[in-house]
Amino acid sequence: MPTNGLHQVLKIQFGLVNDADRYLTAESFGFKVNASAPSLKRKQMWVLEPDPGQGTAVLFRSSHLGRYLSAEEDGRVACEAEQPSRDCRFLVLPQPDGRWVLQSEPHGRFFGGTEDQLSCFATAISPAELWTVHLAIHPQAHLRSVSRRRYAHLCPQEDEIAADSNTPWGVDALITLIFQNRQYCLKSCDSRYLRSDGRLVWEPEARARYTLEFKAGKLAFKDCDGRYLAPVGPAGTLRAGRNTRPGKDELFDLEESPPQVVLVAANHRYVSVRQGRGVRGFPSPPPGVNVSANQDEELDHETFLMQIDQETKKCTFYSSTGGYWTLVTHGGIQATATQVSANTMFEMEWRGRRVALKASNGRYVCMKKNGQLAAISDFVGEDEEFILKLINRPILVLRGLDGFVCQRRGSNQLDTNRSVYDVFHLSFSDGAYQIRGRGGGFWHTGSHGSVCSDGQRAEDFLFEFRERGRLAIRTRSGKYLRGGASGLLRADADAPAGVALWEY
């Protein structure tokens, strides 16, 4: 399996929402806790940790304070403990509707309440003691079976999702978690939902909704009959098995889903690691070491995993054959490096609908007459420009500094500070993207920088991948989309930074 940080297990952060739709909040002042916040921000994020004593109890650590939630014998609660004590131990009791009840393990009382009147003193479970788990991670990820050590992906021929892939390669490996009616759905890259019998359906019906459970830092998905999703049979088809308690077969990791891209050169051919030019209807040529623009099809050998270094903002390209692009003698580019180094890093220059790549020798990557790529140019011309297309986000969820992008209820405007998210559909044409929202309308820019989602005709937006996991979206006016204090999505930012960067 590739190393060097290609497969990063996501740290599961979440919010806890009470019956009044308010989030459990850890305050810096006095280390107090309340349930007053209407949305999920940093103060409302928690991490579940297993108890060091190896029992069934768990610990709740505030992402904001780095301290642990505790409940004393008299019911008083706080988030002050720097190290977990006996009072920090809780039992999680999942309820049939997907919500959790938190019970103090040493004292046996239940945690709940409203606003700033929280306590852990209830002897019976009422609506005030019910909490909904709302994941705070970006919901588009790779799903890896713990027992099989394989990734789940859509199998169009068998019309199922199977956990049988060694690497999460291509668009089929994208899984989107949909939060709905206090439960979660698993959405495939073609916008279908996984039902517990293994079928893929177009609507999030009851059997396609799951209660989320955590065990030893892993996830389990429980269906409406109390059974858990697991890979079944030789193909690893995902469906609910017989078990009503999650064992290793029922556990999954969520892993970061980095961008996977294809590049098209000035000769209108795809950049590839195949040795010769592909011809439709004939077997594909085998992979080689040279990176060349020589293919007419967009398959695995033309797909590259792109990662951006957070410090230098330079990027690497990793091939399906297991090697990074690297600069070699005389400026050649080969997909042979097994480790990230200076020679595998490329600086991206965004040039409207095209991108130019500068290698570590200070020269631009160009397409030579035979199609091979080499970093030998001092200036950018047609042969130094490439179309770069994101292929593993046919459906898109965007999150900014203040929350997710979601269409405002009863309006054609878009909010940027929501705890819930809309799933948008992407299409691509000549270096630009078109974004389609709820109801099928296209995103478009209006007067005074407003952005609406009811366009009859598609408007082009340019994606610039600026940071690890974050992109900027440039409009036809040259301005960037941004969030802001008003919560509205606007197209008036001058620079691709801060509130104009979007996790995707």
Protein backbone atom coordinates (compact mmCIF):
# COMPACT_ATOMS: atom_id res chain seq x y z
CA MET A 1 0.00 0.00 0.00
CA PRO A 2 1.36 3.48 -0.79
CA THR A 3 2.92 5.35 2.11
CA ASN A 4 4.04 8.93 2.57
CA GLY A 5 0.66 10.11 3.86
CA LEU A 6 -1.36 9.09 0.81
CA HIS A 7 -3.93 7.36 3.01
CA GLN A 8 -4.79 9.41 6.08
CA VAL A 9 -7.41 8.14 8.53
CA LEU A 10 -9.65 11.04 9.43
CA LYS A 11 -9.81 12.02 13.10
CA ILE A 12 -13.50 11.64 13.88
CA GLN A 13 -14.81 14.90 15.29
CA PHE A 14 -18.51 15.45 15.91
CA GLY A 15 -21.11 17.62 17.56
CA LEU A 16 -23.79 16.49 20.00
CA VAL A 17 -27.21 18.01 19.36
CA ASN A 18 -29.92 17.92 22.03
CA ASP A 19 -33.67 17.62 21.61
CA ALA A 20 -33.95 21.41 21.26
CA ASP A 21 -31.54 21.37 18.27
CA ARG A 22 -28.74 23.02 20.26
CA TYR A 23 -25.13 21.83 20.33
CA LEU A 24 -23.13 20.81 23.37
CA THR A 25 -20.56 23.59 23.82
CA ALA A 26 -17.30 23.75 25.80
CA GLU A 27 -16.61 27.31 26.99
CA SER A 28 -13.17 28.66 27.81
CA PHE A 29 -14.51 30.75 30.70
CA GLY A 30 -14.74 28.55 33.77
CA PHE A 31 -14.55 25.40 31.61
CA LYS A 32 -18.34 25.32 31.69
CA VAL A 33 -20.56 23.42 29.27
CA ASN A 34 -23.91 24.43 27.84
CA ALA A 35 -26.28 23.52 25.03
CA SER A 36 -27.02 26.95 23.57
CA ALA A 37 -25.27 27.05 20.18
CA PRO A 38 -27.49 26.77 17.07
CA SER A 39 -24.64 25.63 14.79
CA LEU A 40 -21.53 23.48 14.75
CA LYS A 41 -18.31 25.48 15.18
CA ARG A 42 -15.02 24.71 16.92
CA LYS A 43 -16.40 25.09 20.47
CA GLN A 44 -19.03 22.49 19.62
CA MET A 45 -16.63 19.81 18.34
CA TRP A 46 -15.80 16.72 20.36
CA VAL A 47 -13.58 13.65 19.92
CA LEU A 48 -14.50 10.25 21.30
CA GLU A 49 -11.62 8.36 22.91
CA PRO A 50 -11.59 4.81 24.30
CA ASP A 51 -11.09 4.52 28.03
CA PRO A 52 -7.47 3.55 28.83
CA GLY A 53 -8.81 0.89 31.19
CA GLN A 54 -9.96 -1.11 28.14
CA GLY A 55 -13.55 -1.27 29.41
CA THR A 56 -16.72 -0.30 27.58
CA ALA A 57 -16.59 3.30 28.83
CA VAL A 58 -15.47 6.16 26.60
CA LEU A 59 -14.13 9.70 27.06
CA PHE A 60 -15.36 12.92 25.45
CA ARG A 61 -12.56 15.39 24.72
CA SER A 62 -13.30 18.93 23.58
CA SER A 63 -11.53 19.80 20.31
CA HIS A 64 -11.65 23.44 21.41
CA LEU A 65 -10.14 23.08 24.91
CA GLY A 66 -8.36 19.75 24.63
CA ARG A 67 -9.96 18.83 27.98
CA TYR A 68 -12.34 16.10 29.03
CA LEU A 69 -16.02 16.19 29.88
CA SER A 70 -16.68 15.05 33.47
CA ALA A 71 -19.70 14.42 35.69
CA GLU A 72 -19.48 14.47 39.49
CA GLU A 73 -21.59 12.42 41.86
CA ASP A 74 -23.92 15.36 42.52
CA GLY A 75 -24.55 15.74 38.75
CA ARG A 76 -22.37 18.80 38.12
CA VAL A 77 -20.69 18.72 34.71
CA ALA A 78 -17.63 20.56 33.38
CA CYS A 79 -14.94 20.31 30.74
CA GLU A 80 -11.89 21.05 32.86
CA ALA A 81 -9.94 17.80 33.28
CA GLU A 82 -6.59 17.86 31.48
CA GLN A 83 -6.17 14.15 32.15
CA PRO A 84 -9.09 11.70 32.23
CA SER A 85 -10.27 10.74 35.72
CA ARG A 86 -12.91 8.33 36.97
CA ASP A 87 -15.59 11.03 36.59
CA CYS A 88 -14.78 11.35 32.85
CA ARG A 89 -15.97 7.83 32.05
CA PHE A 90 -19.26 7.59 30.14
CA LEU A 91 -21.26 4.77 28.60
CA VAL A 92 -22.85 5.42 25.20
CA LEU A 93 -26.32 3.87 24.91
CA PRO A 94 -27.54 4.05 21.27
CA GLN A 95 -31.31 4.44 20.94
CA PRO A 96 -33.53 2.95 18.19
CA ASP A 97 -33.96 6.35 16.49
CA GLY A 98 -30.19 6.80 16.15
CA ARG A 99 -29.67 9.15 19.08
CA TRP A 100 -27.32 8.55 21.98
CA VAL A 101 -27.83 8.53 25.72
CA LEU A 102 -24.72 9.32 27.78
CA GLN A 103 -24.56 7.64 31.17
CA SER A 104 -21.93 8.35 33.79
CA GLU A 105 -20.22 5.01 34.31
CA PRO A 106 -19.20 5.52 37.97
CA HIS A 107 -22.46 7.18 39.08
CA GLY A 108 -25.08 5.60 36.80
CA ARG A 109 -26.92 8.88 36.04
CA PHE A 110 -27.85 10.25 32.61
CA PHE A 111 -26.48 13.45 31.04
CA GLY A 112 -28.82 16.05 29.58
CA GLY A 113 -30.65 19.35 29.96
CA THR A 114 -31.10 22.58 28.03
CA GLU A 115 -29.19 25.85 27.55
CA ASP A 116 -26.90 26.35 30.58
CA GLN A 117 -28.88 23.96 32.77
CA LEU A 118 -26.95 20.79 31.98
CA SER A 119 -26.41 18.06 34.53
CA CYS A 120 -25.72 14.36 34.80
CA PHE A 121 -28.23 13.51 37.52
CA ALA A 122 -31.27 12.08 35.71
CA THR A 123 -32.32 8.61 36.85
CA ALA A 124 -34.53 8.02 33.79
CA ILE A 125 -34.23 8.83 30.09
CA SER A 126 -36.39 11.69 28.80
CA PRO A 127 -36.09 13.72 25.57
CA ALA A 128 -33.66 16.04 27.40
CA GLU A 129 -31.16 13.16 27.68
CA LEU A 130 -31.16 12.29 23.97
CA TRP A 131 -28.25 13.49 21.80
CA THR A 132 -27.85 13.33 18.03
CA VAL A 133 -24.33 12.71 16.67
CA HIS A 134 -23.42 15.18 13.92
CA LEU A 135 -20.07 14.47 12.25
CA ALA A 136 -17.86 17.55 11.97
CA ILE A 137 -15.53 16.12 9.34
CA HIS A 138 -15.93 16.81 5.65
CA PRO A 139 -18.44 14.16 4.56
CA GLN A 140 -16.71 13.01 1.36
CA ALA A 141 -14.16 10.32 2.06
CA HIS A 142 -12.90 6.82 1.35
CA LEU A 143 -14.39 3.94 3.35
CA ARG A 144 -12.00 1.15 4.34
CA SER A 145 -13.04 -2.18 5.82
CA VAL A 146 -10.98 -2.86 8.95
CA SER A 147 -11.18 -6.68 8.67
CA ARG A 148 -10.53 -6.99 4.92
CA ARG A 149 -8.17 -4.02 4.62
CA ARG A 150 -9.89 -3.12 1.38
CA TYR A 151 -11.62 0.01 0.16
CA ALA A 152 -15.28 0.29 -0.73
CA HIS A 153 -16.09 1.39 -4.27
CA LEU A 154 -18.98 1.40 -6.69
CA CYS A 155 -19.06 -1.62 -9.02
CA PRO A 156 -21.26 -0.49 -11.93
CA GLN A 157 -21.32 -3.95 -13.58
CA GLU A 158 -22.59 -5.69 -10.44
CA ASP A 159 -24.64 -2.65 -9.36
CA GLU A 160 -23.28 -2.74 -5.83
CA ILE A 161 -20.70 -1.24 -3.49
CA ALA A 162 -17.93 -3.72 -2.65
CA ALA A 163 -14.95 -3.55 -0.31
CA ASP A 164 -12.42 -5.32 -2.52
CA SER A 165 -10.04 -2.61 -3.75
CA ASN A 166 -6.42 -2.37 -2.59
CA THR A 167 -6.32 1.36 -3.26
CA PRO A 168 -9.10 3.96 -3.45
CA TRP A 169 -8.45 4.86 -7.08
CA GLY A 170 -10.78 6.79 -9.33
CA VAL A 171 -14.18 8.34 -8.88
CA ASP A 172 -15.82 5.01 -7.90
CA ALA A 173 -14.06 5.08 -4.50
CA LEU A 174 -15.76 8.31 -3.38
CA ILE A 175 -18.36 7.86 -0.62
CA THR A 176 -20.45 10.81 0.59
CA LEU A 177 -22.08 10.69 4.02
CA ILE A 178 -25.52 12.30 4.02
CA PHE A 179 -26.91 13.47 7.39
CA GLN A 180 -30.69 13.14 7.33
CA ASN A 181 -33.37 12.70 9.99
CA ARG A 182 -30.73 12.23 12.70
CA GLN A 183 -29.16 9.34 10.75
CA TYR A 184 -26.63 8.83 7.98
CA CYS A 185 -26.86 7.59 4.41
CA LEU A 186 -23.99 6.35 2.24
CA LYS A 187 -24.13 7.94 -1.20
CA SER A 188 -22.17 6.53 -4.15
CA CYS A 189 -20.43 8.66 -6.76
CA ASP A 190 -23.44 8.30 -9.09
CA SER A 191 -25.75 9.79 -6.40
CA ARG A 192 -27.42 6.54 -5.32
CA TYR A 193 -27.91 5.43 -1.73
CA LEU A 194 -26.76 2.12 -0.28
CA ARG A 195 -29.66 0.11 1.12
CA SER A 196 -29.03 -2.43 3.87
CA ASP A 197 -29.79 -5.35 1.53
CA GLY A 198 -26.93 -4.23 -0.72
CA ARG A 199 -29.10 -2.59 -3.40
CA LEU A 200 -28.48 0.96 -4.61
CA VAL A 201 -31.55 3.20 -4.66
CA TRP A 202 -32.23 6.78 -5.76
CA GLU A 203 -34.05 7.92 -2.61
CA PRO A 204 -32.84 7.90 1.04
CA GLU A 205 -35.54 5.48 2.17
CA ALA A 206 -35.71 4.02 5.68
CA ARG A 207 -33.55 0.99 4.82
CA ALA A 208 -30.88 3.28 3.39
CA ARG A 209 -30.45 5.17 6.67
CA TYR A 210 -28.06 4.09 9.41
CA THR A 211 -27.30 4.88 13.02
CA LEU A 212 -23.65 5.77 13.48
CA GLU A 213 -21.73 3.96 16.21
CA PHE A 214 -18.11 4.29 17.33
CA LYS A 215 -15.93 1.48 18.57
CA ALA A 216 -12.22 1.88 19.34
CA GLY A 217 -12.01 4.87 17.00
CA LYS A 218 -13.74 3.03 14.16
CA LEU A 219 -17.21 3.47 12.66
CA ALA A 220 -20.10 1.03 12.43
CA PHE A 221 -23.37 1.54 10.55
CA LYS A 222 -26.52 0.03 12.10
CA ASP A 223 -29.64 -0.36 9.97
CA CYS A 224 -33.28 -0.01 11.02
CA ASP A 225 -33.42 -3.70 12.02
CA GLY A 226 -30.43 -3.41 14.34
CA ARG A 227 -28.02 -5.17 11.99
CA TYR A 228 -24.67 -3.77 10.83
CA LEU A 229 -23.17 -3.13 7.43
CA ALA A 230 -20.29 -5.46 6.59
CA PRO A 231 -18.45 -6.74 3.50
CA VAL A 232 -20.11 -10.06 2.63
CA GLY A 233 -18.94 -12.89 0.36
CA PRO A 234 -15.82 -13.20 -1.82
CA ALA A 235 -16.50 -9.84 -3.52
CA GLY A 236 -16.97 -8.00 -0.22
CA THR A 237 -20.43 -6.72 -1.14
CA LEU A 238 -21.56 -4.12 1.43
CA ARG A 239 -24.83 -5.06 3.08
CA ALA A 240 -26.23 -5.72 6.53
CA GLY A 241 -25.12 -9.07 7.89
CA ARG A 242 -26.61 -11.12 10.71
CA ASN A 243 -24.71 -9.54 13.58
CA THR A 244 -26.54 -7.29 16.01
CA ARG A 245 -23.31 -6.28 17.73
CA PRO A 246 -20.39 -4.76 15.82
CA GLY A 247 -17.31 -6.96 15.57
CA LYS A 248 -14.20 -6.43 13.45
CA ASP A 249 -16.09 -7.30 10.24
CA GLU A 250 -18.53 -4.46 10.87
CA LEU A 251 -15.93 -1.74 11.52
CA PHE A 252 -14.72 0.87 9.02
CA ASP A 253 -12.22 3.69 8.80
CA LEU A 254 -13.00 6.95 7.06
CA GLU A 255 -9.98 8.21 5.15
CA GLU A 256 -9.25 11.54 3.53
CA SER A 257 -10.13 11.67 -0.17
CA PRO A 258 -7.42 13.76 -1.88
CA PRO A 259 -8.10 15.18 -5.34
CA GLN A 260 -7.52 12.85 -8.27
CA VAL A 261 -6.99 14.63 -11.57
CA VAL A 262 -6.36 14.13 -15.25
CA LEU A 263 -4.30 16.50 -17.39
CA VAL A 264 -4.73 17.25 -21.07
CA ALA A 265 -1.83 18.73 -23.04
CA ALA A 266 -1.77 21.04 -26.07
CA ASN A 267 -1.99 18.03 -28.42
CA HIS A 268 -5.44 17.29 -26.87
CA ARG A 269 -4.19 14.01 -25.45
CA TYR A 270 -4.21 12.83 -21.86
CA VAL A 271 -1.03 12.79 -19.82
CA SER A 272 -0.32 9.16 -18.93
CA VAL A 273 2.22 6.65 -17.66
CA ARG A 274 1.42 4.16 -20.45
CA GLN A 275 4.27 3.38 -22.81
CA GLY A 276 2.54 3.83 -26.14
CA ARG A 277 -0.43 5.60 -27.58
CA GLY A 278 -3.72 3.90 -26.80
CA VAL A 279 -6.11 2.97 -29.60
CA ARG A 280 -9.80 2.52 -28.92
CA GLY A 281 -10.94 -1.10 -29.20
CA PHE A 282 -7.46 -2.56 -28.62
CA PRO A 283 -5.70 -3.58 -25.39
CA SER A 284 -4.06 -0.70 -23.55
CA PRO A 285 -0.27 -0.50 -23.72
CA PRO A 286 1.54 -1.38 -20.51
CA PRO A 287 2.66 1.28 -18.01
CA GLY A 288 6.16 2.66 -18.27
CA VAL A 289 8.28 5.21 -16.45
CA ASN A 290 8.00 8.24 -18.72
CA VAL A 291 5.15 10.69 -18.26
CA SER A 292 3.78 11.49 -21.73
CA ALA A 293 0.73 13.12 -23.33
CA ASN A 294 -0.09 10.17 -25.56
CA GLN A 295 -3.53 8.77 -24.71
CA ASP A 296 -7.04 9.37 -26.02
CA GLU A 297 -8.86 7.77 -23.05
CA GLU A 298 -9.22 8.77 -19.43
CA LEU A 299 -8.49 5.61 -17.41
CA ASP A 300 -6.45 4.64 -14.33
CA HIS A 301 -3.04 5.26 -15.95
CA GLU A 302 -4.16 8.77 -16.90
CA THR A 303 -5.39 9.54 -13.36
CA PHE A 304 -3.06 11.09 -10.78
CA LEU A 305 -3.52 11.69 -7.09
CA MET A 306 -2.58 15.30 -6.40
CA GLN A 307 -1.47 16.46 -2.96
CA ILE A 308 -0.46 19.98 -1.95
CA ASP A 309 2.21 20.61 0.67
CA GLN A 310 0.78 22.90 3.35
CA GLU A 311 4.02 24.84 3.82
CA THR A 312 5.33 25.36 0.29
CA LYS A 313 1.92 25.09 -1.49
CA LYS A 314 3.69 22.97 -4.12
CA CYS A 315 2.07 19.75 -5.31
CA THR A 316 2.95 16.16 -6.06
CA PHE A 317 1.39 13.82 -8.63
CA TYR A 318 1.14 10.14 -7.73
CA SER A 319 0.35 7.53 -10.38
CA SER A 320 -1.71 4.35 -10.21
CA THR A 321 1.51 2.39 -10.81
CA GLY A 322 2.87 3.48 -7.43
CA GLY A 323 5.32 6.28 -8.27
CA TYR A 324 5.47 10.06 -7.95
CA TRP A 325 6.31 12.29 -10.87
CA THR A 326 9.92 13.31 -10.45
CA LEU A 327 12.45 15.46 -12.27
CA VAL A 328 15.29 13.39 -13.75
CA THR A 329 18.42 14.07 -15.80
CA HIS A 330 18.08 16.57 -18.68
CA GLY A 331 14.71 17.77 -17.34
CA GLY A 332 12.70 14.60 -18.04
CA ILE A 333 9.63 13.73 -15.96
CA GLN A 334 9.21 10.12 -14.86
CA ALA A 335 6.76 8.42 -12.46
CA THR A 336 9.42 6.51 -10.54
CA ALA A 337 9.91 8.23 -7.15
CA THR A 338 8.78 6.28 -4.08
CA GLN A 339 9.30 9.15 -1.63
CA VAL A 340 8.47 12.85 -1.69
CA SER A 341 11.50 15.07 -2.28
CA ALA A 342 12.32 18.43 -3.84
CA ASN A 343 12.34 16.83 -7.30
CA THR A 344 8.77 15.53 -6.90
CA MET A 345 7.36 18.97 -6.02
CA PHE A 346 5.80 21.19 -8.68
CA GLU A 347 4.68 24.77 -8.38
CA MET A 348 1.27 25.43 -9.95
CA GLU A 349 0.53 28.64 -11.80
CA TRP A 350 -3.16 29.22 -12.46
CA ARG A 351 -3.72 30.72 -15.89
CA GLY A 352 -7.47 30.97 -16.30
CA ARG A 353 -8.72 27.71 -17.78
CA ARG A 354 -5.19 26.29 -17.89
CA VAL A 355 -2.42 25.52 -15.44
CA ALA A 356 1.37 25.63 -15.81
CA LEU A 357 3.75 23.52 -13.72
CA LYS A 358 7.22 24.64 -12.65
CA ALA A 359 9.66 21.94 -11.54
CA SER A 360 12.40 22.13 -8.91
CA ASN A 361 14.95 23.21 -11.55
CA GLY A 362 13.02 26.46 -11.97
CA ARG A 363 11.77 25.54 -15.44
CA TYR A 364 8.29 24.89 -16.74
CA VAL A 365 7.03 21.46 -17.71
CA CYS A 366 6.29 21.32 -21.44
CA MET A 367 5.10 18.74 -23.92
CA LYS A 368 7.84 17.78 -26.36
CA LYS A 369 7.10 16.86 -29.98
CA ASN A 370 6.97 13.14 -29.13
CA GLY A 371 4.48 13.84 -26.32
CA GLN A 372 6.91 13.29 -23.45
CA LEU A 373 6.88 15.82 -20.61
CA ALA A 374 10.07 17.63 -19.65
CA ALA A 375 10.87 20.64 -17.47
CA ILE A 376 12.97 22.54 -19.99
CA SER A 377 11.07 25.78 -20.69
CA ASP A 378 11.86 29.23 -19.33
CA PHE A 379 8.54 30.73 -20.45
CA VAL A 380 4.92 29.62 -20.69
CA GLY A 381 3.47 29.09 -24.13
CA GLU A 382 0.87 26.73 -25.54
CA ASP A 383 3.03 23.63 -24.98
CA GLU A 384 3.50 24.55 -21.30
CA GLU A 385 -0.21 24.84 -20.53
CA PHE A 386 -2.41 21.96 -19.42
CA ILE A 387 -6.08 21.45 -18.72
CA LEU A 388 -6.40 20.03 -15.21
CA LYS A 389 -9.69 18.27 -14.38
CA LEU A 390 -10.82 17.05 -10.96
CA ILE A 391 -12.37 13.61 -11.54
CA ASN A 392 -13.33 12.34 -8.07
CA ARG A 393 -15.91 14.99 -7.14
CA PRO A 394 -18.87 14.51 -9.50
CA ILE A 395 -20.89 15.54 -6.47
CA LEU A 396 -19.51 18.32 -4.31
CA VAL A 397 -19.83 19.46 -0.70
CA LEU A 398 -18.20 22.78 0.21
CA ARG A 399 -17.22 23.95 3.68
CA GLY A 400 -15.75 27.35 4.53
CA LEU A 401 -14.42 28.87 7.74
CA ASP A 402 -17.92 29.36 9.16
CA GLY A 403 -19.68 26.20 8.00
CA PHE A 404 -21.09 24.40 4.99
CA VAL A 405 -22.62 25.85 1.83
CA CYS A 406 -26.36 25.22 1.67
CA GLN A 407 -29.19 26.79 -0.28
CA ARG A 408 -31.22 29.15 1.86
CA ARG A 409 -34.71 27.85 2.50
CA GLY A 410 -37.29 29.49 0.23
CA SER A 411 -34.61 31.44 -1.62
CA ASN A 412 -32.23 31.12 -4.55
CA GLN A 413 -29.32 32.39 -2.42
CA LEU A 414 -26.63 30.27 -0.79
CA ASP A 415 -25.60 30.32 2.86
CA THR A 416 -22.01 29.63 3.88
CA ASN A 417 -22.41 29.14 7.64
CA ARG A 418 -24.69 26.12 7.94
CA SER A 419 -24.22 22.96 10.00
CA VAL A 420 -26.02 20.98 7.30
CA TYR A 421 -24.89 20.85 3.68
CA ASP A 422 -26.25 20.55 0.21
CA VAL A 423 -24.71 18.18 -2.31
CA PHE A 424 -24.02 19.96 -5.60
CA HIS A 425 -23.43 18.36 -8.99
CA LEU A 426 -20.35 19.22 -11.05
CA SER A 427 -19.84 19.16 -14.79
CA PHE A 428 -16.68 20.14 -16.65
CA SER A 429 -15.91 21.80 -19.96
CA ASP A 430 -12.59 23.13 -21.32
CA GLY A 431 -10.96 23.92 -17.99
CA ALA A 432 -14.07 25.26 -16.26
CA TYR A 433 -16.73 23.80 -13.98
CA GLN A 434 -20.48 24.22 -13.92
CA ILE A 435 -22.25 23.78 -10.57
CA ARG A 436 -25.83 22.58 -10.33
CA GLY A 437 -27.77 22.84 -7.10
CA ARG A 438 -31.00 21.69 -5.53
CA GLY A 439 -33.82 21.59 -8.06
CA GLY A 440 -31.44 21.42 -11.02
CA GLY A 441 -30.68 25.14 -11.32
CA PHE A 442 -27.15 26.31 -12.12
CA TRP A 443 -25.03 28.59 -9.96
CA HIS A 444 -24.65 32.05 -11.46
CA THR A 445 -23.34 35.41 -10.35
CA GLY A 446 -25.72 38.33 -10.14
CA SER A 447 -25.51 42.00 -9.37
CA HIS A 448 -23.30 43.30 -6.53
CA GLY A 449 -21.44 39.99 -6.25
CA SER A 450 -24.42 37.87 -5.27
CA VAL A 451 -24.40 34.15 -6.12
CA CYS A 452 -27.68 32.39 -6.92
CA SER A 453 -28.53 28.78 -7.68
CA ASP A 454 -31.49 29.00 -10.05
CA GLY A 455 -29.77 29.66 -13.36
CA GLN A 456 -31.31 28.25 -16.52
CA ARG A 457 -27.94 28.32 -18.28
CA ALA A 458 -24.63 27.08 -16.94
CA GLU A 459 -22.03 29.64 -15.88
CA ASP A 460 -18.34 28.75 -15.87
CA PHE A 461 -16.36 28.76 -12.63
CA LEU A 462 -12.61 28.12 -12.38
CA PHE A 463 -11.25 25.90 -9.60
CA GLU A 464 -7.81 26.71 -8.22
CA PHE A 465 -6.38 24.13 -5.82
CA ARG A 466 -4.50 26.38 -3.43
CA GLU A 467 -3.97 24.37 -0.24
CA ARG A 468 -4.22 20.79 0.94
CA GLY A 469 -7.91 19.95 0.82
CA ARG A 470 -8.95 23.51 -0.09
CA LEU A 471 -9.73 25.27 -3.34
CA ALA A 472 -10.62 28.76 -4.50
CA ILE A 473 -13.47 29.32 -6.97
CA ARG A 474 -12.94 32.11 -9.48
CA THR A 475 -15.81 33.71 -11.37
CA ARG A 476 -16.02 35.20 -14.85
CA SER A 477 -15.38 38.65 -13.35
CA GLY A 478 -12.04 37.48 -11.96
CA LYS A 479 -13.30 37.68 -8.36
CA TYR A 480 -13.36 34.73 -5.97
CA LEU A 481 -16.30 33.27 -4.09
CA ARG A 482 -16.20 33.95 -0.36
CA GLY A 483 -18.19 33.49 2.81
CA GLY A 484 -18.70 36.34 5.23
CA ALA A 485 -20.31 37.71 8.34
CA SER A 486 -23.71 37.86 6.63
CA GLY A 487 -23.57 34.15 5.87
CA LEU A 488 -24.22 34.72 2.18
CA LEU A 489 -22.03 33.38 -0.62
CA ARG A 490 -20.65 36.31 -2.58
CA ALA A 491 -18.33 36.72 -5.59
CA ASP A 492 -16.30 39.73 -4.53
CA ALA A 493 -13.01 38.50 -3.02
CA ASP A 494 -9.81 39.77 -4.62
CA ALA A 495 -7.48 37.07 -3.31
CA PRO A 496 -7.77 33.27 -3.02
CA ALA A 497 -7.22 33.11 0.74
CA GLY A 498 -9.06 33.01 4.07
CA VAL A 499 -12.83 33.14 3.62
CA ALA A 500 -12.33 32.55 -0.14
CA LEU A 501 -10.93 29.03 0.41
CA TRP A 502 -13.25 26.02 0.50
CA GLU A 503 -12.79 22.53 1.83
CA TYR A 504 -14.12 20.14 -0.81
